[in-house]
Protein backbone atom coordinates (compact mmCIF):
# COMPACT_ATOMS: atom_id res chain seq x y z
CA MET A 1 -48.45 -35.51 57.64
CA PRO A 2 -48.04 -38.74 55.48
CA ARG A 3 -44.61 -38.88 53.41
CA ARG A 4 -46.71 -38.43 49.87
CA THR A 5 -48.29 -35.62 51.01
CA THR A 6 -45.28 -34.08 52.12
CA THR A 7 -43.30 -34.83 48.65
CA MET A 8 -47.02 -33.25 46.64
CA LEU A 9 -46.82 -30.30 48.73
CA THR A 10 -43.02 -29.90 48.10
CA ALA A 11 -43.15 -30.17 44.58
CA THR A 12 -46.11 -27.66 44.16
CA LEU A 13 -43.67 -25.20 46.09
CA ILE A 14 -40.98 -25.72 44.35
CA PHE A 15 -42.82 -25.58 40.69
CA VAL A 16 -44.69 -22.13 42.11
CA ALA A 17 -41.32 -21.04 42.95
CA LEU A 18 -40.15 -21.73 39.44
CA LEU A 19 -42.89 -20.04 38.01
CA PHE A 20 -42.47 -17.29 40.07
CA ALA A 21 -38.98 -17.02 39.19
CA GLY A 22 -39.36 -17.24 35.57
CA ILE A 23 -41.69 -14.52 35.09
CA LEU A 24 -39.79 -12.23 37.49
CA ILE A 25 -36.05 -13.12 35.86
CA PRO A 26 -35.50 -10.70 32.23
CA VAL A 27 -34.14 -13.04 29.87
CA LYS A 28 -31.97 -10.84 26.71
CA TYR A 29 -34.26 -11.99 23.91
CA SER A 30 -37.11 -10.51 21.47
CA GLU A 31 -40.03 -11.71 20.12
CA MET A 32 -40.66 -11.68 15.88
CA SER A 33 -44.29 -12.69 14.75
CA PRO A 34 -46.49 -12.00 11.75
CA GLY A 35 -47.69 -8.20 11.20
CA PRO A 36 -50.00 -7.10 8.75
CA THR A 37 -50.37 -6.92 5.00
CA VAL A 38 -51.56 -4.58 2.83
CA ASN A 39 -52.59 -4.05 -0.80
CA THR A 40 -50.21 -1.98 -2.19
CA LEU A 41 -52.93 -1.54 -5.25
CA GLY A 42 -55.76 -0.74 -2.82
CA ASP A 43 -56.12 1.78 0.17
CA ALA A 44 -54.48 2.17 3.58
CA GLY A 45 -56.30 4.79 6.14
CA GLY A 46 -59.23 5.63 3.66
CA GLU A 47 -56.05 6.49 1.05
CA PRO A 48 -55.06 4.82 -1.79
CA VAL A 49 -51.14 3.47 -1.18
CA LEU A 50 -49.99 4.28 -4.35
CA ARG A 51 -51.21 7.74 -5.44
CA ILE A 52 -50.02 8.72 -9.28
CA THR A 53 -51.48 12.06 -10.80
CA GLY A 54 -49.68 13.81 -14.09
CA ARG A 55 -49.73 10.68 -16.15
CA LYS A 56 -52.56 7.89 -17.30
CA THR A 57 -53.31 5.22 -14.93
CA TYR A 58 -55.26 2.31 -15.14
CA PRO A 59 -57.61 0.02 -12.73
CA ALA A 60 -55.90 -2.83 -11.07
CA SER A 61 -57.98 -5.74 -9.58
CA GLY A 62 -56.03 -8.48 -7.48
CA ASN A 63 -53.88 -7.81 -4.35
CA LEU A 64 -49.97 -7.49 -4.58
CA ASN A 65 -49.53 -7.32 -0.79
CA MET A 66 -46.58 -6.25 0.65
CA THR A 67 -45.52 -7.88 4.19
CA THR A 68 -44.64 -7.07 7.65
CA VAL A 69 -42.83 -8.47 11.05
CA ARG A 70 -43.73 -7.26 14.76
CA VAL A 71 -41.18 -6.73 16.76
CA THR A 72 -40.98 -6.30 20.62
CA GLY A 73 -39.86 -2.84 21.67
CA ALA A 74 -35.77 -2.48 22.61
CA ASP A 75 -37.25 -1.17 25.89
CA TYR A 76 -39.21 -4.46 26.64
CA ARG A 77 -37.91 -7.28 28.71
CA MET A 78 -38.98 -10.48 27.66
CA ASN A 79 -38.83 -13.29 31.02
CA LEU A 80 -37.92 -16.46 30.87
CA VAL A 81 -41.99 -17.70 30.82
CA GLU A 82 -42.48 -15.53 27.45
CA ALA A 83 -39.37 -17.23 25.99
CA LEU A 84 -40.34 -20.65 26.59
CA TYR A 85 -43.51 -19.68 25.13
CA GLY A 86 -42.26 -18.06 22.18
CA TRP A 87 -39.97 -20.91 21.24
CA LEU A 88 -42.76 -23.42 21.19
CA ALA A 89 -45.12 -21.30 19.33
CA HIS A 90 -45.01 -22.21 15.66
CA ASP A 91 -45.96 -18.39 14.11
CA ASN A 92 -43.56 -16.32 16.63
CA VAL A 93 -39.28 -16.58 16.78
CA VAL A 94 -37.50 -15.63 19.52
CA VAL A 95 -34.30 -14.14 18.63
CA PRO A 96 -31.44 -12.54 20.63
CA HIS A 97 -31.97 -8.87 21.53
CA ASP A 98 -28.98 -7.67 19.97
CA THR A 99 -30.19 -9.69 16.68
CA LEU A 100 -32.90 -6.52 16.57
CA TYR A 101 -31.05 -3.77 18.17
CA PRO A 102 -27.02 -4.07 17.48
CA ASP A 103 -24.69 -2.04 19.77
CA GLY A 104 -27.79 -1.32 22.36
CA GLN A 105 -29.69 0.26 19.81
CA THR A 106 -32.64 2.38 21.35
CA GLU A 107 -36.36 2.18 20.12
CA GLU A 108 -36.29 5.65 19.55
CA GLN A 109 -32.49 5.00 16.99
CA SER A 110 -34.45 1.94 15.83
CA THR A 111 -37.41 3.66 14.63
CA GLN A 112 -35.20 6.59 12.86
CA GLU A 113 -32.86 3.99 11.17
CA ASN A 114 -36.39 2.19 9.55
CA ALA A 115 -38.30 5.25 8.81
CA GLU A 116 -34.62 6.35 6.44
CA GLU A 117 -34.70 2.70 5.10
CA PHE A 118 -38.27 3.12 4.38
CA SER A 119 -38.26 6.39 2.67
CA GLN A 120 -35.28 5.38 0.60
CA SER A 121 -37.17 1.61 -0.99
CA GLN A 122 -39.68 4.77 -1.97
CA GLU A 123 -37.65 6.21 -4.24
CA SER A 124 -35.32 2.79 -5.78
CA ALA A 125 -39.29 1.57 -6.05
CA LYS A 126 -39.94 4.29 -7.97
CA VAL A 127 -36.97 3.97 -10.42
CA ALA A 128 -37.19 0.78 -10.84
CA ALA A 129 -40.63 0.03 -12.08
CA LEU A 130 -40.31 3.22 -14.55
CA LYS A 131 -37.21 1.85 -15.73
CA GLU A 132 -39.24 -1.21 -15.92
CA LEU A 133 -41.56 0.73 -18.10
CA ASP A 134 -39.30 1.84 -19.91
CA ILE A 135 -39.64 6.27 -18.61
CA PRO A 136 -36.73 7.56 -18.36
CA VAL A 137 -36.07 9.08 -14.81
CA GLN A 138 -33.74 11.67 -14.25
CA SER A 139 -30.82 11.46 -11.58
CA ARG A 140 -28.47 13.23 -10.23
CA VAL A 141 -25.34 12.59 -7.55
CA VAL A 142 -26.33 14.81 -4.67
CA VAL A 143 -24.36 15.11 -0.94
CA ALA A 144 -26.53 13.25 1.27
CA THR A 145 -24.97 13.98 4.60
CA VAL A 146 -22.31 15.99 6.15
CA LEU A 147 -20.42 14.52 9.23
CA LYS A 148 -20.26 16.92 12.20
CA ASP A 149 -16.82 18.66 12.75
CA SER A 150 -15.65 17.15 9.09
CA PRO A 151 -13.98 19.80 7.21
CA ALA A 152 -16.81 20.19 4.56
CA GLN A 153 -19.02 21.53 7.56
CA ASP A 154 -20.25 24.93 6.42
CA ALA A 155 -19.19 24.67 3.06
CA LEU A 156 -21.26 22.19 1.37
CA HIS A 157 -24.75 21.41 2.45
CA ALA A 158 -27.60 17.85 2.10
CA GLY A 159 -29.01 18.13 -1.11
CA ASP A 160 -26.34 20.16 -2.62
CA VAL A 161 -25.90 18.58 -6.41
CA ILE A 162 -22.29 17.58 -6.88
CA LYS A 163 -21.48 18.40 -10.84
CA ALA A 164 -17.94 17.31 -10.54
CA VAL A 165 -15.04 16.93 -8.20
CA ASP A 166 -11.48 18.60 -9.42
CA GLY A 167 -12.64 19.06 -12.59
CA THR A 168 -14.00 15.69 -13.46
CA ALA A 169 -17.50 14.81 -13.98
CA VAL A 170 -18.95 12.73 -11.44
CA LYS A 171 -22.12 10.48 -12.62
CA GLN A 172 -22.45 7.88 -9.68
CA PRO A 173 -21.67 8.31 -5.64
CA GLY A 174 -18.58 6.19 -5.31
CA ASP A 175 -16.85 8.78 -7.88
CA VAL A 176 -17.11 11.44 -5.41
CA ALA A 177 -14.75 9.10 -2.85
CA LYS A 178 -12.52 8.07 -5.95
CA LEU A 179 -11.68 11.26 -6.80
CA VAL A 180 -11.34 12.64 -3.25
CA THR A 181 -9.15 9.51 -2.10
CA LYS A 182 -6.93 10.31 -5.51
CA HIS A 183 -5.31 13.45 -2.91
CA LYS A 184 -3.23 12.97 0.28
CA PRO A 185 -5.22 14.90 3.62
CA GLY A 186 -4.23 18.35 3.48
CA GLU A 187 -4.48 19.13 0.10
CA ASP A 188 -7.38 21.21 -0.92
CA VAL A 189 -10.10 19.02 -3.51
CA VAL A 190 -12.33 21.46 -5.43
CA PHE A 191 -16.14 20.31 -5.87
CA THR A 192 -18.01 22.00 -8.56
CA ILE A 193 -21.87 22.26 -7.32
CA VAL A 194 -25.33 23.45 -7.57
CA PRO A 195 -26.43 24.60 -4.18
CA ALA A 196 -29.12 22.87 -3.16
CA LYS A 197 -31.92 25.80 -2.86
CA GLU A 198 -31.28 26.67 -6.35
CA ALA A 199 -31.74 22.74 -7.55
CA ALA A 200 -34.66 22.45 -5.60
CA ALA A 201 -36.06 25.84 -7.49
CA ALA A 202 -34.94 24.69 -10.48
CA GLU A 203 -36.82 20.96 -10.51
CA LYS A 204 -39.69 22.86 -9.13
CA ALA A 205 -39.88 25.60 -12.25
CA GLY A 206 -39.44 22.68 -14.22
CA ARG A 207 -35.92 23.32 -15.66
CA GLU A 208 -32.23 22.51 -15.54
CA PRO A 209 -30.25 24.90 -12.58
CA ASP A 210 -28.24 27.20 -14.34
CA SER A 211 -25.39 28.08 -12.16
CA THR A 212 -22.84 26.31 -10.14
CA GLU A 213 -20.61 26.97 -7.94
CA GLN A 214 -16.76 25.78 -7.34
CA VAL A 215 -15.98 24.80 -3.26
CA THR A 216 -12.38 24.32 -2.34
CA ILE A 217 -11.62 22.11 1.09
CA THR A 218 -9.16 21.24 2.71
CA THR A 219 -8.74 16.98 3.09
CA ALA A 220 -8.30 15.63 6.37
CA LYS A 221 -6.66 12.12 7.10
CA ALA A 222 -9.47 9.19 7.57
CA GLU A 223 -9.85 7.33 11.41
CA SER A 224 -8.53 4.53 10.04
CA GLY A 225 -5.61 4.36 7.30
CA ASP A 226 -4.05 7.35 5.32
CA ARG A 227 -6.91 7.93 3.21
CA ALA A 228 -7.96 11.87 2.51
CA VAL A 229 -11.28 12.63 3.43
CA VAL A 230 -13.81 15.46 3.17
CA GLY A 231 -16.80 13.77 5.71
CA ILE A 232 -19.28 13.70 3.23
CA GLN A 233 -21.39 10.71 1.90
CA ALA A 234 -22.89 10.71 -1.84
CA GLY A 235 -25.89 9.53 -2.87
CA THR A 236 -28.61 9.77 -5.48
CA ASP A 237 -31.09 11.90 -6.14
CA HIS A 238 -34.04 11.59 -9.20
CA THR A 239 -36.62 13.91 -10.52
CA PHE A 240 -39.77 11.90 -11.91
CA PRO A 241 -41.63 12.59 -15.10
CA PHE A 242 -44.87 12.58 -12.95
CA THR A 243 -45.65 12.54 -9.40
CA ILE A 244 -46.19 9.00 -7.91
CA ASP A 245 -46.70 9.35 -3.71
CA ILE A 246 -46.57 6.42 -1.70
CA ASN A 247 -48.79 6.70 1.34
CA LEU A 248 -48.14 4.00 4.28
CA ALA A 249 -47.75 4.90 7.62
CA ASP A 250 -46.33 3.05 10.94
CA VAL A 251 -44.30 1.08 8.27
CA GLY A 252 -40.39 0.66 7.98
CA GLY A 253 -37.61 -0.87 6.44
CA PRO A 254 -36.90 -1.38 3.10
CA SER A 255 -37.79 -4.70 2.63
CA ALA A 256 -41.38 -3.31 1.00
CA GLY A 257 -39.78 -2.07 -2.03
CA LEU A 258 -39.97 -4.76 -4.60
CA MET A 259 -44.04 -4.94 -4.08
CA PHE A 260 -44.31 -0.94 -4.04
CA ALA A 261 -42.76 -1.33 -7.28
CA LEU A 262 -44.50 -3.96 -8.75
CA GLY A 263 -47.46 -1.76 -7.51
CA ILE A 264 -46.80 1.35 -9.85
CA VAL A 265 -46.06 -1.32 -12.90
CA ASP A 266 -49.39 -2.35 -12.81
CA LYS A 267 -51.47 1.14 -12.28
CA LEU A 268 -49.19 2.38 -14.92
CA THR A 269 -49.85 -0.57 -17.57
CA PRO A 270 -53.25 -1.41 -19.11
CA GLY A 271 -54.79 -4.59 -17.74
CA ASP A 272 -54.10 -6.11 -14.46
CA MET A 273 -50.96 -8.02 -13.92
CA THR A 274 -52.40 -10.80 -11.33
CA GLY A 275 -55.59 -11.79 -13.36
CA GLY A 276 -57.41 -11.01 -9.83
CA LYS A 277 -54.89 -13.46 -7.91
CA PHE A 278 -53.68 -12.40 -4.26
CA VAL A 279 -49.88 -12.45 -4.63
CA ALA A 280 -47.95 -11.24 -1.64
CA GLY A 281 -44.27 -10.81 -1.34
CA THR A 282 -41.30 -8.80 0.19
CA GLY A 283 -37.75 -8.02 -0.73
CA THR A 284 -36.00 -4.95 -0.64
CA ILE A 285 -35.32 -3.25 -4.38
CA ASP A 286 -32.37 -0.83 -5.31
CA ASP A 287 -32.58 1.08 -8.48
CA GLU A 288 -31.56 -1.30 -11.25
CA GLY A 289 -34.61 -3.62 -10.08
CA LYS A 290 -32.01 -6.00 -8.31
CA VAL A 291 -34.55 -7.60 -5.64
CA GLY A 292 -32.80 -8.26 -2.34
CA PRO A 293 -33.36 -10.07 0.80
CA ILE A 294 -34.74 -9.16 3.98
CA GLY A 295 -35.35 -10.59 7.62
CA GLY A 296 -38.05 -12.29 8.92
CA ILE A 297 -39.32 -13.82 6.20
CA ALA A 298 -41.28 -16.81 8.28
CA MET A 299 -43.05 -14.69 9.70
CA LYS A 300 -43.94 -12.73 6.31
CA LEU A 301 -44.87 -16.26 5.16
CA VAL A 302 -47.52 -17.09 8.10
CA GLY A 303 -48.87 -13.41 7.42
CA ALA A 304 -49.50 -13.85 4.03
CA ARG A 305 -50.69 -16.98 4.17
CA ASN A 306 -53.36 -15.55 7.07
CA ALA A 307 -54.26 -12.74 4.89
CA GLY A 308 -55.53 -15.35 1.75
CA ALA A 309 -52.40 -15.27 -0.28
CA GLN A 310 -52.35 -17.54 -2.93
CA TYR A 311 -48.66 -16.92 -4.07
CA PHE A 312 -45.60 -15.61 -2.89
CA LEU A 313 -42.81 -13.26 -4.39
CA THR A 314 -39.55 -14.77 -2.87
CA PRO A 315 -36.41 -13.09 -3.29
CA ALA A 316 -33.54 -15.45 -4.17
CA ASP A 317 -30.98 -15.56 -1.55
CA ASN A 318 -34.63 -15.91 1.25
CA CYS A 319 -35.52 -19.00 -0.55
CA ALA A 320 -33.40 -21.87 0.93
CA THR A 321 -35.02 -20.65 4.23
CA ALA A 322 -38.32 -19.98 3.17
CA ALA A 323 -38.83 -23.46 1.81
CA SER A 324 -37.93 -24.88 5.44
CA ASP A 325 -41.36 -24.06 6.47
CA ILE A 326 -44.14 -23.48 3.78
CA PRO A 327 -47.53 -22.73 5.38
CA SER A 328 -50.26 -24.83 3.74
CA GLY A 329 -51.60 -23.85 0.82
CA LEU A 330 -49.14 -20.66 -0.35
CA LYS A 331 -46.64 -21.23 -3.27
CA LEU A 332 -43.00 -19.56 -3.65
CA VAL A 333 -42.11 -18.20 -6.70
CA LYS A 334 -38.46 -17.22 -6.82
CA VAL A 335 -37.36 -13.32 -7.47
CA ASP A 336 -33.57 -12.15 -8.33
CA THR A 337 -34.80 -8.82 -10.20
CA ILE A 338 -38.21 -6.91 -11.14
CA ALA A 339 -38.47 -8.52 -14.30
CA ASP A 340 -38.16 -11.83 -12.81
CA ALA A 341 -41.71 -10.62 -11.12
CA THR A 342 -43.15 -9.39 -13.73
CA ASP A 343 -42.66 -12.40 -16.00
CA SER A 344 -44.09 -14.72 -12.74
CA LEU A 345 -47.28 -12.66 -12.58
CA ALA A 346 -47.48 -13.00 -16.24
CA LYS A 347 -47.51 -16.76 -15.98
CA ILE A 348 -50.09 -16.49 -12.28
CA LYS A 349 -52.58 -14.28 -14.52
CA ALA A 350 -52.55 -16.53 -17.44
CA GLY A 351 -52.40 -19.84 -15.24
CA ASP A 352 -49.57 -21.12 -17.16
CA THR A 353 -48.19 -21.81 -13.25
CA ALA A 354 -46.23 -25.61 -13.45
CA ASP A 355 -42.63 -23.71 -14.70
CA LEU A 356 -43.02 -20.67 -12.29
CA PRO A 357 -38.93 -20.58 -10.54
CA THR A 358 -39.95 -21.98 -6.80
CA CYS A 359 -38.37 -22.04 -3.87
CA ALA A 360 -36.27 -25.28 -2.66
CA LYS A 361 -34.61 -25.94 0.92
CA GLY A 362 -31.04 -25.44 0.98
């Protein structure tokens, strides 16, 4: 056999062997890609994304789209060829598997965590939106979780309203830990509570709960340090003056908070906030309307532009990364609070976009 033919055959066999090796060899990476976008002013699955009852609402045109990112599952094992393709593809991002699923997290655990974050983001979106409109929202400190085998187990329950600790009124979740840690481990702490069932019944009847109980718990020593603990996590529960339902399946995480809040504001405000423009965006939101950063910003920009977005509301802390690769035709608008977002939407509606706060490269 001629040397040239032998060389070509050898090279081909090596290439085939490498290709098969690349297909068979798993690598510890996962892939992120643009996910679907959903207009918070529109429908999803035949149902309005936002349904408000008990309060006058107004029709809203245009788009206020929340954006998503698709990720490979925790159990998916990417091979070397797929990883190389993902690195070369402009619209996909390959990241270490632990970035998406830290500490060996399973897909079920990730889904549960995302569902909890999504639920919390909806609550915060409602609170932030109503506060932006100066609509009063009643808030109360509650027992969010009770740790198993902790001193509080069977004494306190999730949903119990915490009125006071050792006779001192509680106004914020953080007050609970401050008051408990004034004790030394082994000392008693007294909680004044409204049991969860009584609180729920009172809320349903539209009245304030009229009875409280005092629960005494002996503190324990924290696993790290010498702090006194009882084994609960305090949180905030809200009572709204009317009903706001957010209907969106198969979405998780906290990053839609800003767009949900803006959709609520738009529906409760005469006229429309976008002037018919296509605005998309992302960002977490807290009860005070502060917008926080999210992951996968590059993928969300691509998804938004593919859907037709002209403007993208971008958390200030994501601006530098987002500005490094902006899809053609998409204008990034920097937002730090819900008030920033509503101000920018007013400018977009009026066509006064020259001085919009924009994102600059880091």
